[in-house]
Amino acid sequence: MDFALSEDQKALATAAADFARAELSEHAAGWDAESHFPVDVIRRAGEAGFLGIYIAEEQGGLGLSRLDASLIFEQLAQGCVSTTAYLTIHNMVTWMVAGWGSDGLRDQYLASMIAGESLGSYCLTEPGAGSDAASLKTRAVRDGDDYVLNGSKMFISGAGATQMLVVMARTGEPDSGAAGVSALLVPADAAGIEYGRNEDKMGWKSQPTRLVSFDDVRVPVGNRLGEEGEGFRLAMRGLDGGRLNIASCSLGAAQQALTLARDYMAQRKQFGRELSTFQALQFKLADMASELTAARLMVRHAAWRLDAQDPEATAHCAMAKRYATDAGFNVCNEALQLHGGYGYIREYPLERLVRDTRVHQILEGTNEIMRLIVARRLLADGVIESFQ
């Protein structure tokens, strides 16, 4: 069993790290303070190929694996967690258009989305449907060659500043559950769409988060992704990769926090000694590094399973997301503690890393839901033996 990265993978990670240093690191604190969505930098990420990471080369993407994507997002997150998290969302939207859009839909939108000229938002969560996504109420009723879309979506990243929305809407009967949900690609400026205020969030401040309302919005039937009633399945497939992506952002944040903690311990003196000479603090640093390493291995293993189309990939992605986002937040929080009062002020990046990583335990399915996904699979006949 070889855990070494290939030369190509090392080159990808280096390219992402270079981009993070050149475009993200110096600006992250300012974007956070001003709640600024750096569209220009996101478009430069498109020029670097980071907006079509796992889109096939013949469709204009890089054609990389989910493992490759994890390496890239981990490095980018060391520059700015919040902005990188939006890049993961846009990649998921683009992947859905590439995979399930018609030829005409791909010809119309895909190139501009990969280039970052058209940015995307993913619209699943509703004011009354969070973890229970199959109970969503937003409706799309067929009227000739169009669907008429009504309802609202909540906590939508990028909303109001993006050009395309992938919307999960009920095309079946009100009680049709997951089988009655379809996915629609909707231009963000379509008549009848309104956006709420930019939510004043704890973290992720470099990307807007708004409620999106649909009032008799007409969407061509040709804008449907996949077949009618297939939307929930597409959403869940998207979330397998999305969970790895957000876990990778947690890895990057934790790596940055660990590095900052080590450097601070070497420089800071108390009682006439560097902090790095105190055994209790050495143990804390060792635990942080161990937890981060375990999380990284879980994420990369789950990505490998997803790339291999392993039948238990969903459970492994859920385990990796749960563990890595918990570990990532814990490492950032411990690094803040090691900085003492300095960690709590905005001059140092630790408080921002703590704020930005906290939401990772909630989105792409809460970590409680991740446990539920894993437990249900483990309780199925013969499955637990396959996890060896």
Protein backbone atom coordinates (compact mmCIF):
# COMPACT_ATOMS: atom_id res chain seq x y z
CA MET A 1 0.00 0.00 0.00
CA ASP A 2 1.63 3.23 -1.22
CA PHE A 3 0.62 6.48 0.47
CA ALA A 4 3.05 8.65 -1.50
CA LEU A 5 1.71 11.35 -3.81
CA SER A 6 2.66 11.09 -7.46
CA GLU A 7 4.86 13.74 -9.03
CA ASP A 8 1.82 15.12 -10.83
CA GLN A 9 -0.08 15.39 -7.54
CA LYS A 10 2.85 17.14 -5.87
CA ALA A 11 2.92 19.60 -8.77
CA LEU A 12 -0.82 20.26 -8.38
CA ALA A 13 -0.42 20.91 -4.67
CA THR A 14 2.51 23.24 -5.34
CA ALA A 15 0.54 25.17 -7.96
CA ALA A 16 -2.37 25.57 -5.56
CA ALA A 17 -0.05 26.68 -2.75
CA ASP A 18 1.56 29.24 -5.07
CA PHE A 19 -1.88 30.60 -6.01
CA ALA A 20 -2.87 30.79 -2.35
CA ARG A 21 0.24 32.81 -1.49
CA ALA A 22 -0.06 35.11 -4.50
CA GLU A 23 -3.81 35.73 -4.53
CA LEU A 24 -5.40 34.78 -1.21
CA SER A 25 -3.20 34.97 1.88
CA GLU A 26 -2.51 38.70 2.03
CA HIS A 27 -6.12 39.65 1.36
CA ALA A 28 -8.05 37.14 3.47
CA ALA A 29 -8.20 39.31 6.60
CA GLY A 30 -9.40 42.35 4.62
CA TRP A 31 -12.06 40.37 2.77
CA ASP A 32 -13.26 39.03 6.11
CA ALA A 33 -13.37 42.47 7.75
CA GLU A 34 -15.18 44.07 4.80
CA SER A 35 -17.38 41.08 3.85
CA HIS A 36 -15.93 41.39 0.35
CA PHE A 37 -16.62 38.73 -2.31
CA PRO A 38 -13.41 38.69 -4.42
CA VAL A 39 -14.91 37.98 -7.84
CA ASP A 40 -11.74 39.12 -9.64
CA VAL A 41 -9.62 36.63 -7.74
CA ILE A 42 -12.18 33.87 -8.25
CA ARG A 43 -11.97 34.50 -11.99
CA ARG A 44 -8.19 34.24 -11.82
CA ALA A 45 -8.73 30.90 -10.09
CA GLY A 46 -10.72 29.98 -13.21
CA GLU A 47 -7.78 30.97 -15.39
CA ALA A 48 -5.64 28.60 -13.31
CA GLY A 49 -8.12 25.76 -13.88
CA PHE A 50 -9.46 25.69 -10.32
CA LEU A 51 -13.12 26.16 -11.34
CA GLY A 52 -13.31 22.98 -13.40
CA ILE A 53 -11.09 20.67 -11.42
CA TYR A 54 -12.98 17.40 -11.98
CA ILE A 55 -14.66 18.35 -15.25
CA ALA A 56 -13.47 16.20 -18.16
CA GLU A 57 -10.72 17.67 -20.32
CA GLU A 58 -12.85 17.34 -23.46
CA GLN A 59 -15.39 19.62 -21.73
CA GLY A 60 -12.76 22.22 -20.89
CA GLY A 61 -11.86 21.14 -17.35
CA LEU A 62 -8.72 19.67 -15.81
CA GLY A 63 -10.12 16.14 -15.72
CA LEU A 64 -8.69 15.44 -12.27
CA SER A 65 -9.78 12.99 -9.60
CA ARG A 66 -11.51 13.74 -6.30
CA LEU A 67 -8.24 12.95 -4.55
CA ASP A 68 -6.47 15.52 -6.71
CA ALA A 69 -9.21 18.03 -5.88
CA SER A 70 -8.71 17.42 -2.16
CA LEU A 71 -5.00 18.20 -2.48
CA ILE A 72 -5.79 21.44 -4.31
CA PHE A 73 -8.48 22.63 -1.89
CA GLU A 74 -6.32 21.87 1.14
CA GLN A 75 -3.58 24.13 -0.20
CA LEU A 76 -5.93 26.90 -1.30
CA ALA A 77 -7.63 26.93 2.11
CA GLN A 78 -4.32 27.80 3.72
CA GLY A 79 -4.66 31.12 1.91
CA CYS A 80 -8.35 31.82 2.60
CA VAL A 81 -10.76 29.24 3.98
CA SER A 82 -13.92 31.18 3.14
CA THR A 83 -13.04 31.92 -0.48
CA THR A 84 -11.81 28.37 -1.06
CA ALA A 85 -15.07 27.03 0.35
CA TYR A 86 -16.95 29.04 -2.29
CA LEU A 87 -14.65 27.60 -4.98
CA THR A 88 -15.69 24.11 -3.86
CA ILE A 89 -19.37 25.06 -4.23
CA HIS A 90 -18.86 26.49 -7.70
CA ASN A 91 -16.97 23.35 -8.72
CA MET A 92 -19.93 21.23 -7.58
CA VAL A 93 -22.40 23.35 -9.56
CA THR A 94 -20.23 23.19 -12.67
CA TRP A 95 -19.79 19.42 -12.28
CA MET A 96 -23.57 18.97 -12.16
CA VAL A 97 -24.05 21.01 -15.34
CA ALA A 98 -21.27 19.08 -17.08
CA GLY A 99 -22.58 15.70 -15.98
CA TRP A 100 -26.35 16.07 -16.38
CA GLY A 101 -27.01 19.08 -18.56
CA SER A 102 -28.13 18.63 -22.16
CA ASP A 103 -25.67 19.26 -24.97
CA GLY A 104 -27.32 22.62 -25.57
CA LEU A 105 -27.15 23.60 -21.90
CA ARG A 106 -23.47 22.68 -21.70
CA ASP A 107 -22.70 24.54 -24.90
CA GLN A 108 -24.45 27.63 -23.55
CA TYR A 109 -23.04 27.79 -20.04
CA LEU A 110 -20.21 25.38 -19.27
CA ALA A 111 -17.25 27.26 -20.76
CA SER A 112 -18.16 30.50 -19.00
CA MET A 113 -18.61 28.66 -15.69
CA ILE A 114 -15.23 26.94 -15.94
CA ALA A 115 -13.63 30.30 -16.77
CA GLY A 116 -15.33 32.02 -13.83
CA GLU A 117 -17.24 34.44 -16.05
CA SER A 118 -20.49 32.88 -14.79
CA LEU A 119 -20.42 31.90 -11.13
CA GLY A 120 -22.81 29.40 -9.62
CA SER A 121 -24.80 28.87 -6.42
CA TYR A 122 -26.27 25.61 -5.15
CA CYS A 123 -29.84 25.90 -3.86
CA LEU A 124 -31.02 22.97 -1.77
CA THR A 125 -31.67 24.16 1.81
CA GLU A 126 -34.97 25.87 2.60
CA PRO A 127 -36.23 27.81 5.64
CA GLY A 128 -38.15 24.70 6.72
CA ALA A 129 -35.99 21.96 5.20
CA GLY A 130 -32.38 21.65 6.31
CA SER A 131 -31.21 18.17 7.27
CA ASP A 132 -34.52 16.77 5.99
CA ALA A 133 -33.82 17.87 2.43
CA ALA A 134 -36.32 15.43 0.91
CA SER A 135 -39.15 17.43 2.50
CA LEU A 136 -38.38 20.56 0.47
CA LYS A 137 -41.40 22.64 -0.58
CA THR A 138 -40.12 24.71 -3.51
CA ARG A 139 -42.31 23.70 -6.49
CA ALA A 140 -41.72 23.58 -10.23
CA VAL A 141 -44.96 23.00 -12.14
CA ARG A 142 -44.83 22.10 -15.84
CA ASP A 143 -46.48 24.65 -18.13
CA GLY A 144 -45.83 23.86 -21.79
CA ASP A 145 -42.13 24.08 -22.50
CA ASP A 146 -41.41 25.71 -19.13
CA TYR A 147 -41.49 24.99 -15.44
CA VAL A 148 -43.03 27.67 -13.22
CA LEU A 149 -40.92 27.88 -10.08
CA ASN A 150 -42.21 29.06 -6.68
CA GLY A 151 -40.68 28.87 -3.23
CA SER A 152 -37.56 29.95 -1.38
CA LYS A 153 -34.08 28.74 -0.52
CA MET A 154 -32.07 29.66 2.57
CA PHE A 155 -28.37 30.08 3.37
CA ILE A 156 -27.32 30.13 -0.30
CA SER A 157 -23.60 30.83 -0.75
CA GLY A 158 -22.79 33.47 -3.35
CA ALA A 159 -26.46 34.36 -3.86
CA GLY A 160 -26.95 37.83 -5.27
CA ALA A 161 -23.45 37.89 -6.74
CA THR A 162 -23.58 34.78 -8.94
CA GLN A 163 -25.02 34.28 -12.40
CA MET A 164 -26.36 30.71 -12.26
CA LEU A 165 -28.42 28.80 -9.70
CA VAL A 166 -28.81 25.02 -9.49
CA VAL A 167 -32.20 24.72 -7.78
CA MET A 168 -33.69 21.57 -6.29
CA ALA A 169 -37.48 21.80 -6.70
CA ARG A 170 -40.44 19.50 -6.30
CA THR A 171 -41.90 18.48 -9.67
CA GLY A 172 -43.90 15.59 -8.22
CA GLU A 173 -46.82 15.60 -5.82
CA PRO A 174 -46.41 17.36 -2.45
CA ASP A 175 -46.00 14.02 -0.68
CA SER A 176 -43.64 12.51 -3.28
CA GLY A 177 -40.55 12.77 -1.07
CA ALA A 178 -37.12 12.35 -2.61
CA ALA A 179 -38.57 10.78 -5.76
CA GLY A 180 -40.44 13.97 -6.64
CA VAL A 181 -37.44 16.33 -6.72
CA SER A 182 -35.82 17.64 -9.92
CA ALA A 183 -32.74 19.80 -10.52
CA LEU A 184 -33.04 22.98 -12.60
CA LEU A 185 -30.37 25.36 -13.86
CA VAL A 186 -31.80 28.85 -13.42
CA PRO A 187 -30.25 32.15 -14.57
CA ALA A 188 -29.81 34.21 -11.41
CA ASP A 189 -31.35 37.32 -12.98
CA ALA A 190 -34.55 35.60 -14.19
CA ALA A 191 -37.76 37.57 -13.68
CA GLY A 192 -39.41 36.72 -10.38
CA ILE A 193 -36.22 36.02 -8.39
CA GLU A 194 -35.55 38.16 -5.32
CA TYR A 195 -32.65 38.08 -2.89
CA GLY A 196 -32.70 38.70 0.84
CA ARG A 197 -30.11 40.60 2.83
CA ASN A 198 -26.56 39.33 3.08
CA GLU A 199 -26.61 37.37 6.33
CA ASP A 200 -24.33 38.69 9.09
CA LYS A 201 -22.48 35.45 9.74
CA MET A 202 -19.95 34.33 12.33
CA GLY A 203 -17.51 33.34 9.59
CA TRP A 204 -17.25 32.77 5.84
CA LYS A 205 -17.52 36.53 5.41
CA SER A 206 -15.75 36.69 2.05
CA GLN A 207 -18.78 35.12 0.38
CA PRO A 208 -22.36 36.44 0.58
CA THR A 209 -25.11 34.24 2.00
CA ARG A 210 -28.70 35.12 1.18
CA LEU A 211 -32.24 33.83 1.01
CA VAL A 212 -33.46 33.38 -2.57
CA SER A 213 -37.18 33.68 -3.37
CA PHE A 214 -38.87 32.44 -6.55
CA ASP A 215 -42.21 33.94 -7.60
CA ASP A 216 -43.59 32.40 -10.81
CA VAL A 217 -40.10 32.11 -12.29
CA ARG A 218 -40.27 30.52 -15.73
CA VAL A 219 -37.51 28.02 -16.42
CA PRO A 220 -37.24 26.18 -19.76
CA VAL A 221 -37.68 22.41 -19.47
CA GLY A 222 -34.37 22.16 -21.32
CA ASN A 223 -32.67 23.64 -18.24
CA ARG A 224 -33.44 20.53 -16.22
CA LEU A 225 -30.39 18.53 -15.14
CA GLY A 226 -31.02 14.83 -15.61
CA GLU A 227 -34.48 13.34 -15.75
CA GLU A 228 -37.54 14.59 -13.93
CA GLY A 229 -37.52 13.18 -10.40
CA GLU A 230 -33.78 12.53 -10.51
CA GLY A 231 -32.76 15.73 -8.71
CA PHE A 232 -32.47 14.35 -5.20
CA ARG A 233 -30.18 11.57 -6.38
CA LEU A 234 -27.99 14.13 -8.14
CA ALA A 235 -27.97 16.28 -5.01
CA MET A 236 -26.79 13.36 -2.88
CA ARG A 237 -24.12 12.42 -5.40
CA GLY A 238 -22.94 16.01 -5.37
CA LEU A 239 -22.81 15.98 -1.59
CA ASP A 240 -20.43 13.00 -1.47
CA GLY A 241 -17.81 15.09 -3.23
CA GLY A 242 -18.91 18.27 -1.48
CA ARG A 243 -18.28 16.67 1.89
CA LEU A 244 -14.74 15.77 0.87
CA ASN A 245 -14.21 19.28 -0.46
CA ILE A 246 -15.28 20.99 2.76
CA ALA A 247 -13.29 18.46 4.79
CA SER A 248 -10.27 19.42 2.69
CA CYS A 249 -10.85 23.07 3.53
CA SER A 250 -10.76 22.08 7.21
CA LEU A 251 -7.46 20.29 6.61
CA GLY A 252 -5.96 23.42 5.07
CA ALA A 253 -7.16 25.62 7.91
CA ALA A 254 -5.80 23.20 10.51
CA GLN A 255 -2.44 22.98 8.73
CA GLN A 256 -2.13 26.75 8.73
CA ALA A 257 -3.11 26.89 12.40
CA LEU A 258 -0.61 24.18 13.33
CA THR A 259 2.19 26.00 11.51
CA LEU A 260 1.31 29.29 13.18
CA ALA A 261 1.22 27.61 16.59
CA ARG A 262 4.64 26.04 16.10
CA ASP A 263 6.17 29.35 15.01
CA TYR A 264 4.58 31.23 17.91
CA MET A 265 5.82 28.67 20.44
CA ALA A 266 9.37 29.09 19.15
CA GLN A 267 9.23 32.89 19.42
CA ARG A 268 7.16 33.56 22.54
CA LYS A 269 8.87 33.47 25.95
CA GLN A 270 7.30 33.07 29.37
CA PHE A 271 9.13 32.56 32.67
CA GLY A 272 12.40 33.10 30.79
CA ARG A 273 11.85 30.20 28.37
CA GLU A 274 10.41 29.69 24.88
CA LEU A 275 6.96 28.13 24.95
CA SER A 276 8.34 25.32 22.80
CA THR A 277 10.40 24.07 25.79
CA PHE A 278 7.34 23.40 27.95
CA GLN A 279 6.48 19.70 27.79
CA ALA A 280 2.74 20.26 28.29
CA LEU A 281 2.65 22.51 25.23
CA GLN A 282 4.80 20.08 23.25
CA PHE A 283 2.24 17.38 24.00
CA LYS A 284 -0.57 19.67 22.85
CA LEU A 285 1.23 20.35 19.55
CA ALA A 286 1.82 16.62 19.08
CA ASP A 287 -1.86 15.86 19.63
CA MET A 288 -2.86 18.56 17.14
CA ALA A 289 -0.52 17.14 14.50
CA SER A 290 -1.72 13.58 15.15
CA GLU A 291 -5.36 14.57 14.84
CA LEU A 292 -4.68 16.48 11.61
CA THR A 293 -2.72 13.59 10.11
CA ALA A 294 -5.48 11.11 10.94
CA ALA A 295 -8.05 13.42 9.37
CA ARG A 296 -5.97 13.88 6.23
CA LEU A 297 -5.60 10.13 5.79
CA MET A 298 -9.36 9.63 6.21
CA VAL A 299 -10.17 12.30 3.63
CA ARG A 300 -7.72 10.96 1.08
CA HIS A 301 -8.89 7.39 1.64
CA ALA A 302 -12.53 8.43 1.17
CA ALA A 303 -11.59 10.35 -1.98
CA TRP A 304 -9.84 7.26 -3.32
CA ARG A 305 -12.98 5.22 -2.67
CA LEU A 306 -15.17 7.81 -4.39
CA ASP A 307 -12.86 7.86 -7.41
CA ALA A 308 -13.02 4.04 -7.51
CA GLN A 309 -16.85 4.14 -7.34
CA ASP A 310 -16.73 1.96 -4.25
CA PRO A 311 -20.25 0.92 -3.16
CA GLU A 312 -19.53 2.19 0.36
CA ALA A 313 -18.03 5.51 -0.77
CA THR A 314 -20.95 7.53 0.63
CA ALA A 315 -20.38 6.21 4.14
CA HIS A 316 -16.63 6.78 3.90
CA CYS A 317 -17.19 10.35 2.68
CA ALA A 318 -19.54 10.92 5.61
CA MET A 319 -17.01 9.54 8.10
CA ALA A 320 -14.22 11.64 6.64
CA LYS A 321 -16.32 14.80 6.63
CA ARG A 322 -17.40 14.29 10.24
CA TYR A 323 -13.93 13.53 11.54
CA ALA A 324 -11.99 16.07 9.50
CA THR A 325 -14.30 19.01 10.21
CA ASP A 326 -14.35 18.21 13.94
CA ALA A 327 -10.58 17.79 13.96
CA GLY A 328 -9.99 20.89 11.86
CA PHE A 329 -12.01 23.07 14.21
CA ASN A 330 -10.31 21.53 17.24
CA VAL A 331 -6.80 22.13 15.88
CA CYS A 332 -7.64 25.76 15.05
CA ASN A 333 -9.17 26.27 18.49
CA GLU A 334 -6.17 24.74 20.26
CA ALA A 335 -3.82 26.91 18.20
CA LEU A 336 -5.78 29.96 19.32
CA GLN A 337 -5.41 28.79 22.93
CA LEU A 338 -1.65 28.46 22.49
CA HIS A 339 -1.54 32.08 21.31
CA GLY A 340 -3.31 33.22 24.47
CA GLY A 341 -4.81 36.69 24.25
CA TYR A 342 -3.07 37.33 20.95
CA GLY A 343 -5.09 34.54 19.36
CA TYR A 344 -8.30 36.36 20.21
CA ILE A 345 -7.53 39.60 18.39
CA ARG A 346 -7.92 40.16 14.67
CA GLU A 347 -4.28 41.11 14.14
CA TYR A 348 -3.62 37.37 14.26
CA PRO A 349 -5.43 34.96 11.89
CA LEU A 350 -6.37 32.35 14.51
CA GLU A 351 -9.73 33.85 15.46
CA ARG A 352 -10.71 33.95 11.76
CA LEU A 353 -9.67 30.32 11.26
CA VAL A 354 -11.81 29.30 14.24
CA ARG A 355 -14.81 31.25 12.92
CA ASP A 356 -14.44 29.98 9.36
CA THR A 357 -14.04 26.30 10.27
CA ARG A 358 -16.94 26.20 12.74
CA VAL A 359 -19.57 26.14 9.98
CA HIS A 360 -17.91 23.13 8.34
CA GLN A 361 -19.44 20.99 11.10
CA ILE A 362 -22.90 22.15 9.96
CA LEU A 363 -22.98 22.42 6.17
CA GLU A 364 -22.94 19.68 3.51
CA GLY A 365 -24.96 17.74 6.09
CA THR A 366 -24.45 18.32 9.80
CA ASN A 367 -22.00 16.06 11.57
CA GLU A 368 -24.95 14.50 13.38
CA ILE A 369 -26.39 13.53 9.99
CA MET A 370 -22.97 12.14 9.01
CA ARG A 371 -23.16 9.82 12.01
CA LEU A 372 -26.66 8.78 10.97
CA ILE A 373 -25.50 7.95 7.42
CA VAL A 374 -22.62 5.85 8.71
CA ALA A 375 -24.65 4.08 11.39
CA ARG A 376 -27.38 3.08 8.94
CA ARG A 377 -24.83 1.49 6.63
CA LEU A 378 -23.05 -0.29 9.47
CA LEU A 379 -26.33 -1.82 10.61
CA ALA A 380 -27.04 -3.31 7.17
CA ASP A 381 -26.22 -7.00 6.80
CA GLY A 382 -22.60 -7.71 5.95
CA VAL A 383 -21.53 -4.06 5.61
CA ILE A 384 -19.51 -3.67 8.79
CA GLU A 385 -17.22 -6.51 7.69
CA SER A 386 -16.39 -4.63 4.48
CA PHE A 387 -14.98 -1.69 6.47
CA GLN A 388 -11.89 -3.65 7.49
